[in-house]
């Protein structure tokens, strides 16, 4: 695939969910805007009319307030759900770290969960075994690898999941707000790896509603608001406008 070809293309993508009727007090607490969106045709549109491309070597910040549609966009990118409308193309393998504990079993040990998550990411058992030592070294929790996952902190689960995913051979790496669960040292290691990954031709999209967390890493921002694309361009220019509205 030529380097100029996009790895990801969204064309007028929308995702709707069946609207849920809330009790009056809860509906009021959720706000009038959410209520209006929920009533439209009996469906709630988490995303509507979103178009953009993601190319090799790009480091993109996906920003917006809570409920803007960021996590929904990543589930579409990861292939865990399908768009309601529009066209979505993904070329290459996606590693998506969207939720702590996803792909793990709480009663299995860390070592056993390495094999489990590796298989879910499409790796053969032999491939996982060949990289286990490197995965364990990246996670850097040697004293806990033989303990069941239910005894792990959120930061330890993040370490294990990220370590497996970086060894899965992705072309696109998508990270939700879960990186905030890591300590500063491991966050730095993650962003260092992601920088090397994009330099080799991968593409990274990092979700945050606090733009300062990704300003030093990302060069482009996609700003979602109320399920729609508000802006897409250089992070510096968008950060100024986004920050002014916070």
Protein backbone atom coordinates (compact mmCIF):
# COMPACT_ATOMS: atom_id res chain seq x y z
CA UNK A 1 0.00 0.00 0.00
CA UNK A 2 1.50 3.37 -1.00
CA UNK A 3 2.46 5.58 1.94
CA UNK A 4 0.15 8.31 0.62
CA UNK A 5 -2.93 6.10 0.91
CA UNK A 6 -4.92 6.62 4.12
CA UNK A 7 -4.98 3.84 6.69
CA UNK A 8 -8.39 5.05 7.89
CA UNK A 9 -11.15 6.84 6.01
CA UNK A 10 -14.44 8.02 7.53
CA UNK A 11 -16.96 9.36 5.01
CA UNK A 12 -20.13 10.81 6.51
CA UNK A 13 -20.08 8.23 9.29
CA UNK A 14 -22.88 8.17 11.84
CA UNK A 15 -23.67 5.84 14.71
CA UNK A 16 -27.12 5.70 16.29
CA UNK A 17 -28.37 3.83 19.31
CA UNK A 18 -31.94 3.20 20.34
CA UNK A 19 -33.04 6.01 22.62
CA UNK A 20 -33.83 5.12 26.21
CA UNK A 21 -36.67 6.90 27.95
CA UNK A 22 -35.40 8.34 31.23
CA UNK A 23 -37.52 9.26 34.24
CA UNK A 24 -38.32 13.01 34.21
CA UNK A 25 -35.83 13.97 36.93
CA UNK A 26 -33.00 12.00 35.30
CA UNK A 27 -33.81 13.42 31.88
CA UNK A 28 -33.60 16.92 33.34
CA UNK A 29 -30.26 16.09 34.96
CA UNK A 30 -28.87 14.83 31.66
CA UNK A 31 -29.67 18.17 30.09
CA UNK A 32 -31.93 19.47 27.36
CA UNK A 33 -29.39 18.94 24.57
CA UNK A 34 -29.08 15.22 25.31
CA UNK A 35 -32.86 14.93 25.51
CA UNK A 36 -33.26 16.60 22.10
CA UNK A 37 -30.70 14.24 20.54
CA UNK A 38 -32.42 11.21 22.09
CA UNK A 39 -35.87 12.10 20.75
CA UNK A 40 -34.79 12.41 17.10
CA UNK A 41 -36.52 9.51 15.36
CA UNK A 42 -36.45 7.42 18.55
CA UNK A 43 -32.68 7.10 18.26
CA UNK A 44 -29.69 8.69 19.92
CA UNK A 45 -27.00 9.72 17.44
CA UNK A 46 -23.61 9.37 19.16
CA UNK A 47 -21.92 10.40 15.88
CA UNK A 48 -23.34 12.05 12.77
CA UNK A 49 -21.75 13.04 9.45
CA UNK A 50 -18.12 12.54 10.53
CA UNK A 51 -15.49 12.57 7.78
CA UNK A 52 -11.70 12.45 8.07
CA UNK A 53 -8.64 10.44 7.03
CA UNK A 54 -5.75 9.05 9.06
CA UNK A 55 -2.43 8.47 7.32
CA UNK A 56 0.86 6.79 8.13
CA UNK A 57 3.09 8.69 10.51
CA UNK A 58 0.27 10.84 11.93
CA UNK A 59 -0.18 11.52 15.64
CA UNK A 60 -3.74 12.67 16.16
CA UNK A 61 -5.46 13.91 19.30
CA UNK A 62 -9.18 13.13 19.38
CA UNK A 63 -10.60 15.80 21.65
CA UNK A 64 -13.95 17.01 22.90
CA UNK A 65 -16.01 17.20 26.09
CA UNK A 66 -17.57 14.19 27.78
CA UNK A 67 -20.32 12.74 25.58
CA UNK A 68 -18.87 14.20 22.37
CA UNK A 69 -18.62 10.79 20.66
CA UNK A 70 -14.90 10.10 21.07
CA UNK A 71 -15.23 6.59 22.50
CA UNK A 72 -17.91 5.70 19.96
CA UNK A 73 -15.56 6.73 17.15
CA UNK A 74 -12.84 4.46 18.54
CA UNK A 75 -15.20 1.47 18.80
CA UNK A 76 -16.00 1.96 15.12
CA UNK A 77 -12.31 2.20 14.29
CA UNK A 78 -11.61 -0.96 16.29
CA UNK A 79 -14.38 -2.83 14.50
CA UNK A 80 -16.30 -3.70 17.66
CA UNK A 81 -19.40 -1.98 16.25
CA UNK A 82 -20.61 -0.97 12.78
CA UNK A 83 -21.67 2.49 11.56
CA UNK A 84 -25.37 3.20 11.12
CA UNK A 85 -24.68 5.37 8.10
CA UNK A 86 -21.76 6.47 5.95
CA UNK A 87 -18.66 4.61 4.84
CA UNK A 88 -15.72 3.47 6.95
CA UNK A 89 -12.49 1.97 5.58
CA UNK A 90 -9.67 0.62 7.76
CA UNK A 91 -6.53 -0.79 6.13
CA UNK A 92 -4.23 -2.69 8.43
CA UNK A 93 -4.32 -4.09 11.94
CA UNK A 94 -5.76 -1.94 14.73
CA UNK A 95 -4.63 -2.15 18.35
CA UNK A 96 -7.25 -0.35 20.42
CA UNK A 97 -6.82 0.16 24.15
CA UNK A 98 -10.30 1.37 25.04
CA UNK A 99 -11.16 -0.04 28.45
CA UNK A 100 -9.11 -1.41 31.32
CA UNK A 101 -9.55 -5.15 31.67
CA UNK A 102 -11.03 -5.65 28.20
CA UNK A 103 -9.81 -8.94 26.74
CA UNK A 104 -8.62 -10.19 30.13
CA UNK A 105 -10.08 -12.76 32.53
CA UNK A 106 -10.01 -11.76 36.21
CA UNK A 107 -9.29 -15.28 37.49
CA UNK A 108 -6.35 -15.95 35.17
CA UNK A 109 -2.81 -14.93 36.06
CA UNK A 110 -0.93 -12.17 34.30
CA UNK A 111 1.04 -14.70 32.23
CA UNK A 112 -2.14 -16.54 31.25
CA UNK A 113 -3.81 -13.28 30.29
CA UNK A 114 -0.88 -12.42 28.03
CA UNK A 115 -1.71 -15.54 26.00
CA UNK A 116 -5.45 -14.79 26.12
CA UNK A 117 -5.20 -11.19 24.92
CA UNK A 118 -2.58 -12.15 22.34
CA UNK A 119 -4.96 -14.67 20.80
CA UNK A 120 -7.80 -12.13 20.78
CA UNK A 121 -5.50 -9.74 18.91
CA UNK A 122 -4.95 -12.38 16.23
CA UNK A 123 -1.55 -13.70 17.29
CA UNK A 124 -0.80 -17.41 17.06
CA UNK A 125 0.25 -19.16 20.25
CA UNK A 126 3.81 -19.57 18.94
CA UNK A 127 4.00 -15.83 18.20
CA UNK A 128 2.90 -14.98 21.73
CA UNK A 129 5.34 -17.45 23.28
CA UNK A 130 8.21 -16.03 21.22
CA UNK A 131 7.50 -12.52 22.52
CA UNK A 132 6.49 -13.31 26.10
CA UNK A 133 9.85 -12.30 27.59
CA UNK A 134 9.73 -8.96 25.78
CA UNK A 135 6.09 -8.39 26.78
CA UNK A 136 6.87 -9.09 30.42
CA UNK A 137 9.86 -6.74 30.33
CA UNK A 138 7.74 -3.92 28.84
CA UNK A 139 5.00 -4.37 31.45
CA UNK A 140 7.64 -4.40 34.22
CA UNK A 141 5.52 -6.04 36.92
CA UNK A 142 7.52 -9.29 37.43
CA UNK A 143 6.35 -9.91 41.00
CA UNK A 144 2.68 -9.96 39.91
CA UNK A 145 2.75 -12.05 36.73
CA UNK A 146 1.74 -15.22 38.55
CA UNK A 147 -1.07 -13.52 40.53
CA UNK A 148 -4.69 -13.47 39.28
CA UNK A 149 -5.71 -10.36 37.42
CA UNK A 150 -8.43 -9.55 39.99
CA UNK A 151 -5.62 -8.59 42.40
CA UNK A 152 -4.20 -6.01 39.95
CA UNK A 153 -4.57 -2.27 40.25
CA UNK A 154 -5.85 -0.33 37.23
CA UNK A 155 -2.30 0.83 36.50
CA UNK A 156 -1.00 -2.75 36.49
CA UNK A 157 -3.75 -3.88 34.10
CA UNK A 158 -2.87 -1.00 31.81
CA UNK A 159 0.81 -2.00 31.84
CA UNK A 160 -0.02 -5.58 30.87
CA UNK A 161 -2.52 -4.63 28.15
CA UNK A 162 -0.28 -2.01 26.57
CA UNK A 163 2.68 -4.39 26.61
CA UNK A 164 0.73 -7.07 24.73
CA UNK A 165 -0.68 -4.63 22.19
CA UNK A 166 2.67 -3.12 21.24
CA UNK A 167 3.82 -6.65 20.35
CA UNK A 168 0.76 -7.43 18.20
CA UNK A 169 2.15 -5.81 15.03
CA UNK A 170 -0.42 -3.00 14.63
CA UNK A 171 -0.58 -0.46 11.82
CA UNK A 172 -2.93 1.80 13.80
CA UNK A 173 -2.79 2.33 17.56
CA UNK A 174 -5.82 3.87 19.28
CA UNK A 175 -5.75 4.81 22.95
CA UNK A 176 -8.67 6.09 25.03
CA UNK A 177 -8.36 8.00 28.31
CA UNK A 178 -7.06 4.85 30.04
CA UNK A 179 -3.44 6.05 29.85
CA UNK A 180 -4.32 8.39 32.71
CA UNK A 181 -4.32 5.30 34.97
CA UNK A 182 -0.56 4.84 34.50
CA UNK A 183 2.12 6.48 36.58
CA UNK A 184 4.22 9.22 34.98
CA UNK A 185 7.14 6.90 34.24
CA UNK A 186 5.05 4.34 32.38
CA UNK A 187 3.11 7.04 30.52
CA UNK A 188 6.44 8.40 29.28
CA UNK A 189 7.43 4.91 28.13
CA UNK A 190 4.12 4.54 26.27
CA UNK A 191 4.47 7.85 24.45
CA UNK A 192 8.10 7.08 23.63
CA UNK A 193 7.03 3.80 22.03
CA UNK A 194 4.18 5.52 20.16
CA UNK A 195 6.62 8.11 18.80
CA UNK A 196 8.88 5.35 17.49
CA UNK A 197 5.84 3.51 16.12
CA UNK A 198 4.66 6.50 14.07
CA UNK A 199 8.22 7.18 12.89
CA UNK A 200 8.19 3.65 11.43
CA UNK A 201 4.99 4.42 9.50
CA UNK A 202 2.25 3.59 11.98
CA UNK A 203 -0.59 5.95 12.86
CA UNK A 204 -1.71 6.89 16.35
CA UNK A 205 -4.94 8.41 17.61
CA UNK A 206 -5.09 9.39 21.27
CA UNK A 207 -8.34 10.36 22.99
CA UNK A 208 -8.46 13.10 25.58
CA UNK A 209 -10.81 15.85 26.70
CA UNK A 210 -7.83 17.58 28.34
CA UNK A 211 -5.70 18.74 25.45
CA UNK A 212 -2.65 19.49 27.61
CA UNK A 213 -2.17 15.74 28.12
CA UNK A 214 -1.44 15.21 24.42
CA UNK A 215 -0.03 18.58 23.32
CA UNK A 216 3.61 17.42 23.51
CA UNK A 217 2.93 14.28 21.46
CA UNK A 218 0.26 15.02 18.84
CA UNK A 219 0.55 17.36 15.89
CA UNK A 220 -3.05 17.22 14.64
CA UNK A 221 -6.38 17.42 16.44
CA UNK A 222 -9.85 16.17 15.55
CA UNK A 223 -12.42 17.99 17.66
CA UNK A 224 -15.81 16.37 18.23
CA UNK A 225 -18.75 18.12 19.80
CA UNK A 226 -22.24 16.69 20.26
CA UNK A 227 -21.38 13.83 17.93
CA UNK A 228 -20.25 16.04 15.04
CA UNK A 229 -16.88 17.08 13.70
CA UNK A 230 -16.26 20.65 14.79
CA UNK A 231 -12.64 21.04 13.62
CA UNK A 232 -9.77 19.06 12.10
CA UNK A 233 -6.32 20.54 11.67
CA UNK A 234 -2.99 21.45 13.33
CA UNK A 235 -3.19 20.86 17.05
CA UNK A 236 -1.72 24.25 17.98
CA UNK A 237 -4.45 26.24 16.25
CA UNK A 238 -7.28 24.05 17.49
CA UNK A 239 -5.89 23.90 21.04
CA UNK A 240 -6.21 27.66 21.38
CA UNK A 241 -9.88 27.68 20.37
CA UNK A 242 -10.71 24.54 22.34
CA UNK A 243 -9.00 25.85 25.47
CA UNK A 244 -10.90 29.12 25.27
CA UNK A 245 -14.19 27.27 25.45
CA UNK A 246 -13.34 25.18 28.52
